[in-house]
Amino acid sequence: MLPCLVDFANLLLAALLAGSAFTVWLVLNPAGLEASQYVVLQQQAIRKLNVLLPLMGAVVIVLTLITIALEHAQLTRLLLIGALAGFVVSALITRLGNQPINAVVIAWNPAAPPANWTAFCDRWWFWHRIRVVTVLGAFLLLLAAALFRSPLQ
């Protein structure tokens, strides 16, 4: 019963995490945005997601570790280890790539963004696109592991 509960919680949170990254990719795409629009959107996202999503990511990493510890089938363990690697890379990108930029952007005045706002925007967008790929890939590996698992486990 414990493996089923851990799987359920892990899949749910990982799906929310991957879906959130995908949604951010759709909504915060800076193409065609003026500086003030970008700053307003980015600051709103920072206020709403900058703590919640990394916390969800940390829980997913812990649940994936527990799932690995409970798993006995070699193929499923390998899929889970791949998923774990993707979630960890995504967390590192968030912490070392996106969040330092968020700490700068949150202080900007939307009515008077700095002249070099596009440099921050481009760097943040670069890291986010990699993060989307890693978190979606990790989720797919986690899902594959759940689908390959025997129904009796």
N, C-alpha and C. Protein backbone atom coordinates (compact mmCIF):
# COMPACT_ATOMS: atom_id res chain seq x y z
N MET A 1 0.82 -1.21 0.00
CA MET A 1 0.00 0.00 0.00
C MET A 1 0.86 1.27 0.00
N LEU A 2 1.97 1.25 0.78
CA LEU A 2 2.85 2.42 0.83
C LEU A 2 3.41 2.77 -0.56
N PRO A 3 3.90 1.79 -1.33
CA PRO A 3 4.39 2.15 -2.67
C PRO A 3 3.32 2.82 -3.54
N CYS A 4 2.08 2.37 -3.44
CA CYS A 4 0.99 2.98 -4.23
C CYS A 4 0.75 4.43 -3.81
N LEU A 5 0.77 4.68 -2.52
CA LEU A 5 0.56 6.05 -2.02
C LEU A 5 1.71 6.97 -2.43
N VAL A 6 2.92 6.46 -2.32
CA VAL A 6 4.09 7.25 -2.72
C VAL A 6 4.04 7.53 -4.22
N ASP A 7 3.73 6.51 -5.02
CA ASP A 7 3.60 6.69 -6.47
C ASP A 7 2.55 7.73 -6.81
N PHE A 8 1.40 7.61 -6.17
CA PHE A 8 0.31 8.55 -6.45
C PHE A 8 0.73 9.98 -6.15
N ALA A 9 1.27 10.20 -4.95
CA ALA A 9 1.69 11.55 -4.56
C ALA A 9 2.80 12.07 -5.48
N ASN A 10 3.74 11.18 -5.80
CA ASN A 10 4.86 11.57 -6.65
C ASN A 10 4.38 11.94 -8.06
N LEU A 11 3.54 11.10 -8.64
CA LEU A 11 3.03 11.38 -9.99
C LEU A 11 2.19 12.66 -10.01
N LEU A 12 1.36 12.85 -8.99
CA LEU A 12 0.53 14.05 -8.94
C LEU A 12 1.39 15.30 -8.86
N LEU A 13 2.33 15.33 -7.93
CA LEU A 13 3.16 16.53 -7.76
C LEU A 13 4.08 16.74 -8.97
N ALA A 14 4.62 15.65 -9.51
CA ALA A 14 5.49 15.78 -10.69
C ALA A 14 4.69 16.29 -11.89
N ALA A 15 3.45 15.84 -12.04
CA ALA A 15 2.61 16.32 -13.13
C ALA A 15 2.30 17.81 -12.96
N LEU A 16 2.02 18.22 -11.73
CA LEU A 16 1.79 19.64 -11.47
C LEU A 16 3.04 20.47 -11.74
N LEU A 17 4.18 19.95 -11.35
CA LEU A 17 5.45 20.64 -11.57
C LEU A 17 5.74 20.78 -13.06
N ALA A 18 5.63 19.69 -13.79
CA ALA A 18 5.88 19.73 -15.24
C ALA A 18 4.86 20.62 -15.95
N GLY A 19 3.61 20.51 -15.55
CA GLY A 19 2.57 21.35 -16.15
C GLY A 19 2.79 22.82 -15.86
N SER A 20 3.26 23.12 -14.67
CA SER A 20 3.56 24.52 -14.33
C SER A 20 4.71 25.05 -15.17
N ALA A 21 5.75 24.26 -15.35
CA ALA A 21 6.88 24.70 -16.17
C ALA A 21 6.44 24.93 -17.61
N PHE A 22 5.60 24.03 -18.11
CA PHE A 22 5.08 24.19 -19.48
C PHE A 22 4.22 25.44 -19.59
N THR A 23 3.37 25.69 -18.61
CA THR A 23 2.51 26.87 -18.62
C THR A 23 3.34 28.14 -18.56
N VAL A 24 4.36 28.16 -17.71
CA VAL A 24 5.25 29.33 -17.64
C VAL A 24 5.91 29.55 -19.00
N TRP A 25 6.29 28.46 -19.67
CA TRP A 25 6.89 28.57 -20.99
C TRP A 25 5.91 29.24 -21.96
N LEU A 26 4.63 28.89 -21.86
CA LEU A 26 3.62 29.48 -22.75
C LEU A 26 3.34 30.94 -22.40
N VAL A 27 3.19 31.24 -21.12
CA VAL A 27 2.73 32.55 -20.68
C VAL A 27 3.85 33.59 -20.63
N LEU A 28 5.04 33.19 -20.20
CA LEU A 28 6.11 34.16 -20.01
C LEU A 28 7.08 34.24 -21.18
N ASN A 29 6.71 33.70 -22.32
CA ASN A 29 7.54 33.82 -23.50
C ASN A 29 7.70 35.32 -23.80
N PRO A 30 8.93 35.82 -23.76
CA PRO A 30 9.12 37.26 -23.90
C PRO A 30 8.98 37.78 -25.33
N ALA A 31 8.84 36.90 -26.30
CA ALA A 31 8.74 37.35 -27.70
C ALA A 31 7.57 38.30 -27.87
N GLY A 32 7.85 39.47 -28.38
CA GLY A 32 6.81 40.44 -28.67
C GLY A 32 6.36 41.28 -27.49
N LEU A 33 6.94 41.06 -26.31
CA LEU A 33 6.54 41.85 -25.15
C LEU A 33 7.39 43.13 -25.05
N GLU A 34 6.74 44.19 -24.65
CA GLU A 34 7.48 45.40 -24.32
C GLU A 34 8.06 45.24 -22.93
N ALA A 35 9.03 46.05 -22.61
CA ALA A 35 9.74 45.93 -21.33
C ALA A 35 8.79 45.98 -20.14
N SER A 36 7.89 46.93 -20.11
CA SER A 36 6.99 47.05 -18.96
C SER A 36 6.07 45.84 -18.84
N GLN A 37 5.60 45.32 -19.97
CA GLN A 37 4.76 44.11 -19.93
C GLN A 37 5.54 42.92 -19.39
N TYR A 38 6.76 42.77 -19.85
CA TYR A 38 7.60 41.67 -19.38
C TYR A 38 7.81 41.76 -17.88
N VAL A 39 8.14 42.94 -17.39
CA VAL A 39 8.43 43.11 -15.96
C VAL A 39 7.20 42.79 -15.12
N VAL A 40 6.05 43.27 -15.53
CA VAL A 40 4.81 43.00 -14.77
C VAL A 40 4.53 41.49 -14.74
N LEU A 41 4.59 40.84 -15.89
CA LEU A 41 4.33 39.39 -15.94
C LEU A 41 5.36 38.62 -15.11
N GLN A 42 6.62 38.95 -15.28
CA GLN A 42 7.68 38.23 -14.57
C GLN A 42 7.56 38.44 -13.05
N GLN A 43 7.29 39.65 -12.62
CA GLN A 43 7.16 39.91 -11.18
C GLN A 43 5.96 39.17 -10.60
N GLN A 44 4.87 39.10 -11.33
CA GLN A 44 3.70 38.35 -10.85
C GLN A 44 4.06 36.87 -10.71
N ALA A 45 4.76 36.33 -11.69
CA ALA A 45 5.17 34.92 -11.63
C ALA A 45 6.12 34.69 -10.46
N ILE A 46 7.04 35.60 -10.25
CA ILE A 46 7.99 35.46 -9.14
C ILE A 46 7.23 35.44 -7.81
N ARG A 47 6.29 36.36 -7.64
CA ARG A 47 5.52 36.42 -6.38
C ARG A 47 4.72 35.14 -6.13
N LYS A 48 4.17 34.57 -7.18
CA LYS A 48 3.28 33.41 -7.02
C LYS A 48 4.02 32.07 -7.04
N LEU A 49 5.13 31.97 -7.76
CA LEU A 49 5.73 30.66 -8.02
C LEU A 49 7.13 30.47 -7.46
N ASN A 50 7.81 31.53 -7.10
CA ASN A 50 9.23 31.44 -6.75
C ASN A 50 9.50 30.59 -5.51
N VAL A 51 8.53 30.43 -4.64
CA VAL A 51 8.69 29.58 -3.46
C VAL A 51 7.96 28.25 -3.66
N LEU A 52 6.75 28.31 -4.19
CA LEU A 52 5.91 27.12 -4.33
C LEU A 52 6.54 26.05 -5.23
N LEU A 53 6.96 26.43 -6.42
CA LEU A 53 7.47 25.41 -7.36
C LEU A 53 8.77 24.77 -6.89
N PRO A 54 9.74 25.52 -6.36
CA PRO A 54 10.92 24.85 -5.82
C PRO A 54 10.59 23.91 -4.66
N LEU A 55 9.62 24.28 -3.83
CA LEU A 55 9.20 23.40 -2.74
C LEU A 55 8.58 22.12 -3.30
N MET A 56 7.72 22.26 -4.29
CA MET A 56 7.14 21.08 -4.94
C MET A 56 8.24 20.22 -5.56
N GLY A 57 9.22 20.86 -6.18
CA GLY A 57 10.32 20.12 -6.78
C GLY A 57 11.11 19.34 -5.74
N ALA A 58 11.33 19.94 -4.58
CA ALA A 58 12.06 19.24 -3.51
C ALA A 58 11.27 18.03 -3.01
N VAL A 59 9.96 18.19 -2.88
CA VAL A 59 9.12 17.06 -2.44
C VAL A 59 9.15 15.95 -3.49
N VAL A 60 9.10 16.31 -4.75
CA VAL A 60 9.15 15.31 -5.83
C VAL A 60 10.49 14.56 -5.78
N ILE A 61 11.57 15.26 -5.54
CA ILE A 61 12.88 14.61 -5.44
C ILE A 61 12.88 13.61 -4.29
N VAL A 62 12.36 14.01 -3.13
CA VAL A 62 12.31 13.10 -1.97
C VAL A 62 11.42 11.90 -2.26
N LEU A 63 10.25 12.14 -2.85
CA LEU A 63 9.35 11.03 -3.17
C LEU A 63 9.96 10.09 -4.22
N THR A 64 10.70 10.64 -5.15
CA THR A 64 11.36 9.80 -6.16
C THR A 64 12.45 8.95 -5.50
N LEU A 65 13.17 9.52 -4.56
CA LEU A 65 14.17 8.75 -3.81
C LEU A 65 13.51 7.60 -3.04
N ILE A 66 12.38 7.88 -2.41
CA ILE A 66 11.65 6.84 -1.68
C ILE A 66 11.18 5.76 -2.64
N THR A 67 10.68 6.19 -3.80
CA THR A 67 10.22 5.22 -4.80
C THR A 67 11.36 4.33 -5.27
N ILE A 68 12.52 4.91 -5.47
CA ILE A 68 13.70 4.11 -5.86
C ILE A 68 14.02 3.08 -4.78
N ALA A 69 13.97 3.52 -3.52
CA ALA A 69 14.29 2.62 -2.42
C ALA A 69 13.28 1.46 -2.31
N LEU A 70 12.03 1.70 -2.70
CA LEU A 70 10.99 0.68 -2.61
C LEU A 70 10.95 -0.23 -3.84
N GLU A 71 11.64 0.15 -4.90
CA GLU A 71 11.56 -0.58 -6.16
C GLU A 71 12.59 -1.70 -6.22
N HIS A 72 12.18 -2.85 -6.79
CA HIS A 72 13.08 -4.00 -6.91
C HIS A 72 13.42 -4.33 -8.36
N ALA A 73 12.58 -3.98 -9.29
CA ALA A 73 12.82 -4.30 -10.71
C ALA A 73 13.89 -3.38 -11.28
N GLN A 74 14.87 -3.96 -11.94
CA GLN A 74 16.02 -3.20 -12.44
C GLN A 74 15.63 -2.13 -13.46
N LEU A 75 14.80 -2.48 -14.44
CA LEU A 75 14.40 -1.51 -15.46
C LEU A 75 13.67 -0.33 -14.83
N THR A 76 12.76 -0.63 -13.93
CA THR A 76 12.00 0.43 -13.28
C THR A 76 12.91 1.32 -12.44
N ARG A 77 13.87 0.71 -11.75
CA ARG A 77 14.84 1.50 -10.96
C ARG A 77 15.64 2.42 -11.86
N LEU A 78 16.05 1.93 -13.02
CA LEU A 78 16.82 2.77 -13.95
C LEU A 78 15.99 3.95 -14.45
N LEU A 79 14.73 3.69 -14.76
CA LEU A 79 13.84 4.78 -15.17
C LEU A 79 13.69 5.81 -14.04
N LEU A 80 13.54 5.31 -12.83
CA LEU A 80 13.39 6.21 -11.67
C LEU A 80 14.66 7.01 -11.42
N ILE A 81 15.80 6.38 -11.58
CA ILE A 81 17.06 7.10 -11.40
C ILE A 81 17.21 8.19 -12.47
N GLY A 82 16.80 7.89 -13.69
CA GLY A 82 16.79 8.91 -14.74
C GLY A 82 15.85 10.05 -14.40
N ALA A 83 14.68 9.71 -13.89
CA ALA A 83 13.73 10.75 -13.48
C ALA A 83 14.32 11.61 -12.36
N LEU A 84 14.92 10.96 -11.39
CA LEU A 84 15.55 11.68 -10.29
C LEU A 84 16.61 12.65 -10.81
N ALA A 85 17.44 12.19 -11.73
CA ALA A 85 18.47 13.05 -12.30
C ALA A 85 17.84 14.27 -12.98
N GLY A 86 16.78 14.06 -13.72
CA GLY A 86 16.10 15.18 -14.38
C GLY A 86 15.51 16.17 -13.39
N PHE A 87 14.90 15.66 -12.33
CA PHE A 87 14.34 16.56 -11.31
C PHE A 87 15.44 17.34 -10.59
N VAL A 88 16.56 16.68 -10.32
CA VAL A 88 17.68 17.36 -9.65
C VAL A 88 18.27 18.43 -10.56
N VAL A 89 18.47 18.12 -11.84
CA VAL A 89 18.99 19.11 -12.78
C VAL A 89 18.02 20.29 -12.87
N SER A 90 16.74 20.01 -12.93
CA SER A 90 15.74 21.08 -12.98
C SER A 90 15.82 21.97 -11.74
N ALA A 91 15.99 21.34 -10.58
CA ALA A 91 16.11 22.11 -9.33
C ALA A 91 17.37 22.97 -9.34
N LEU A 92 18.46 22.42 -9.83
CA LEU A 92 19.71 23.19 -9.88
C LEU A 92 19.59 24.36 -10.86
N ILE A 93 18.93 24.14 -11.98
CA ILE A 93 18.71 25.23 -12.93
C ILE A 93 17.89 26.34 -12.27
N THR A 94 16.85 25.94 -11.56
CA THR A 94 16.01 26.92 -10.88
C THR A 94 16.84 27.72 -9.88
N ARG A 95 17.58 27.01 -9.03
CA ARG A 95 18.32 27.66 -7.94
C ARG A 95 19.48 28.50 -8.45
N LEU A 96 20.23 27.98 -9.40
CA LEU A 96 21.45 28.65 -9.83
C LEU A 96 21.28 29.51 -11.09
N GLY A 97 20.25 29.24 -11.89
CA GLY A 97 20.04 29.98 -13.12
C GLY A 97 18.93 31.00 -13.03
N ASN A 98 17.72 30.54 -12.68
CA ASN A 98 16.55 31.43 -12.71
C ASN A 98 16.38 32.29 -11.47
N GLN A 99 16.53 31.71 -10.29
CA GLN A 99 16.26 32.48 -9.08
C GLN A 99 17.20 33.68 -8.87
N PRO A 100 18.48 33.59 -9.20
CA PRO A 100 19.30 34.82 -9.08
C PRO A 100 18.79 35.95 -9.98
N ILE A 101 18.29 35.60 -11.15
CA ILE A 101 17.72 36.62 -12.04
C ILE A 101 16.42 37.14 -11.45
N ASN A 102 15.60 36.24 -10.89
CA ASN A 102 14.35 36.66 -10.24
C ASN A 102 14.61 37.68 -9.13
N ALA A 103 15.69 37.47 -8.37
CA ALA A 103 16.02 38.37 -7.27
C ALA A 103 16.31 39.78 -7.76
N VAL A 104 16.79 39.91 -8.97
CA VAL A 104 17.06 41.23 -9.56
C VAL A 104 15.78 41.82 -10.14
N VAL A 105 15.05 41.02 -10.91
CA VAL A 105 13.87 41.50 -11.64
C VAL A 105 12.76 41.93 -10.68
N ILE A 106 12.62 41.28 -9.56
CA ILE A 106 11.53 41.60 -8.62
C ILE A 106 11.64 43.04 -8.11
N ALA A 107 12.83 43.61 -8.13
CA ALA A 107 13.02 44.97 -7.62
C ALA A 107 12.84 46.05 -8.70
N TRP A 108 12.65 45.65 -9.93
CA TRP A 108 12.52 46.64 -11.00
C TRP A 108 11.20 47.39 -10.92
N ASN A 109 11.21 48.60 -11.40
CA ASN A 109 9.99 49.40 -11.56
C ASN A 109 9.46 49.12 -12.97
N PRO A 110 8.25 48.56 -13.08
CA PRO A 110 7.72 48.25 -14.42
C PRO A 110 7.62 49.47 -15.33
N ALA A 111 7.44 50.63 -14.74
CA ALA A 111 7.31 51.84 -15.56
C ALA A 111 8.68 52.33 -16.06
N ALA A 112 9.76 51.84 -15.44
CA ALA A 112 11.09 52.28 -15.85
C ALA A 112 12.09 51.12 -15.74
N PRO A 113 11.92 50.08 -16.57
CA PRO A 113 12.87 48.96 -16.53
C PRO A 113 14.27 49.43 -16.92
N PRO A 114 15.29 48.73 -16.47
CA PRO A 114 16.64 49.13 -16.85
C PRO A 114 16.87 48.97 -18.35
N ALA A 115 17.84 49.69 -18.86
CA ALA A 115 18.12 49.64 -20.30
C ALA A 115 18.54 48.25 -20.75
N ASN A 116 19.16 47.50 -19.86
CA ASN A 116 19.65 46.15 -20.23
C ASN A 116 18.67 45.05 -19.83
N TRP A 117 17.39 45.35 -19.76
CA TRP A 117 16.39 44.37 -19.32
C TRP A 117 16.38 43.13 -20.21
N THR A 118 16.67 43.30 -21.50
CA THR A 118 16.64 42.14 -22.39
C THR A 118 17.75 41.14 -22.08
N ALA A 119 18.87 41.61 -21.55
CA ALA A 119 19.95 40.68 -21.19
C ALA A 119 19.47 39.75 -20.07
N PHE A 120 18.77 40.29 -19.08
CA PHE A 120 18.22 39.47 -18.00
C PHE A 120 17.13 38.55 -18.52
N CYS A 121 16.28 39.12 -19.36
CA CYS A 121 15.17 38.36 -19.95
C CYS A 121 15.69 37.18 -20.77
N ASP A 122 16.67 37.43 -21.62
CA ASP A 122 17.21 36.37 -22.47
C ASP A 122 17.88 35.28 -21.65
N ARG A 123 18.61 35.67 -20.62
CA ARG A 123 19.29 34.68 -19.78
C ARG A 123 18.27 33.84 -19.02
N TRP A 124 17.24 34.50 -18.45
CA TRP A 124 16.21 33.77 -17.72
C TRP A 124 15.50 32.81 -18.67
N TRP A 125 15.16 33.26 -19.84
CA TRP A 125 14.43 32.44 -20.83
C TRP A 125 15.28 31.25 -21.27
N PHE A 126 16.58 31.46 -21.46
CA PHE A 126 17.49 30.37 -21.80
C PHE A 126 17.42 29.27 -20.74
N TRP A 127 17.56 29.62 -19.47
CA TRP A 127 17.53 28.64 -18.39
C TRP A 127 16.15 27.99 -18.27
N HIS A 128 15.11 28.77 -18.47
CA HIS A 128 13.77 28.19 -18.34
C HIS A 128 13.51 27.15 -19.42
N ARG A 129 13.93 27.41 -20.64
CA ARG A 129 13.71 26.43 -21.71
C ARG A 129 14.42 25.11 -21.41
N ILE A 130 15.62 25.17 -20.87
CA ILE A 130 16.31 23.94 -20.47
C ILE A 130 15.56 23.27 -19.33
N ARG A 131 15.08 24.07 -18.39
CA ARG A 131 14.33 23.53 -17.26
C ARG A 131 13.05 22.83 -17.71
N VAL A 132 12.36 23.38 -18.67
CA VAL A 132 11.15 22.74 -19.20
C VAL A 132 11.48 21.36 -19.77
N VAL A 133 12.54 21.28 -20.53
CA VAL A 133 12.94 20.00 -21.12
C VAL A 133 13.30 18.99 -20.03
N THR A 134 14.07 19.43 -19.03
CA THR A 134 14.50 18.49 -17.99
C THR A 134 13.34 18.02 -17.13
N VAL A 135 12.45 18.92 -16.76
CA VAL A 135 11.35 18.51 -15.88
C VAL A 135 10.32 17.68 -16.64
N LEU A 136 10.06 17.99 -17.91
CA LEU A 136 9.15 17.16 -18.70
C LEU A 136 9.76 15.78 -18.97
N GLY A 137 11.04 15.75 -19.27
CA GLY A 137 11.71 14.47 -19.45
C GLY A 137 11.69 13.63 -18.19
N ALA A 138 11.94 14.27 -17.05
CA ALA A 138 11.91 13.56 -15.77
C ALA A 138 10.50 13.03 -15.49
N PHE A 139 9.49 13.83 -15.76
CA PHE A 139 8.12 13.37 -15.55
C PHE A 139 7.80 12.17 -16.44
N LEU A 140 8.22 12.22 -17.69
CA LEU A 140 7.96 11.10 -18.60
C LEU A 140 8.65 9.82 -18.13
N LEU A 141 9.86 9.94 -17.61
CA LEU A 141 10.55 8.77 -17.07
C LEU A 141 9.84 8.24 -15.83
N LEU A 142 9.36 9.13 -14.98
CA LEU A 142 8.61 8.73 -13.79
C LEU A 142 7.31 8.02 -14.19
N LEU A 143 6.64 8.56 -15.18
CA LEU A 143 5.41 7.96 -15.68
C LEU A 143 5.69 6.59 -16.29
N ALA A 144 6.75 6.48 -17.07
CA ALA A 144 7.12 5.20 -17.67
C ALA A 144 7.41 4.17 -16.58
N ALA A 145 8.11 4.58 -15.53
CA ALA A 145 8.41 3.66 -14.43
C ALA A 145 7.12 3.16 -13.79
N ALA A 146 6.15 4.04 -13.60
CA ALA A 146 4.88 3.64 -13.01
C ALA A 146 4.13 2.68 -13.94
N LEU A 147 4.20 2.92 -15.23
CA LEU A 147 3.49 2.06 -16.18
C LEU A 147 4.16 0.69 -16.33
N PHE A 148 5.47 0.62 -16.19
CA PHE A 148 6.18 -0.66 -16.30
C PHE A 148 6.07 -1.50 -15.03
N ARG A 149 5.71 -0.87 -13.94
CA ARG A 149 5.65 -1.58 -12.67
C ARG A 149 4.55 -2.62 -12.70
N SER A 150 4.78 -3.73 -12.09
CA SER A 150 3.78 -4.80 -12.00
C SER A 150 2.60 -4.31 -11.18
N PRO A 151 1.37 -4.67 -11.56
CA PRO A 151 0.19 -4.25 -10.80
C PRO A 151 0.15 -4.81 -9.38
N LEU A 152 0.93 -5.84 -9.11
CA LEU A 152 0.92 -6.45 -7.77
C LEU A 152 1.84 -5.74 -6.79
N GLN A 153 2.66 -4.82 -7.28
CA GLN A 153 3.60 -4.15 -6.37
C GLN A 153 2.95 -2.98 -5.67
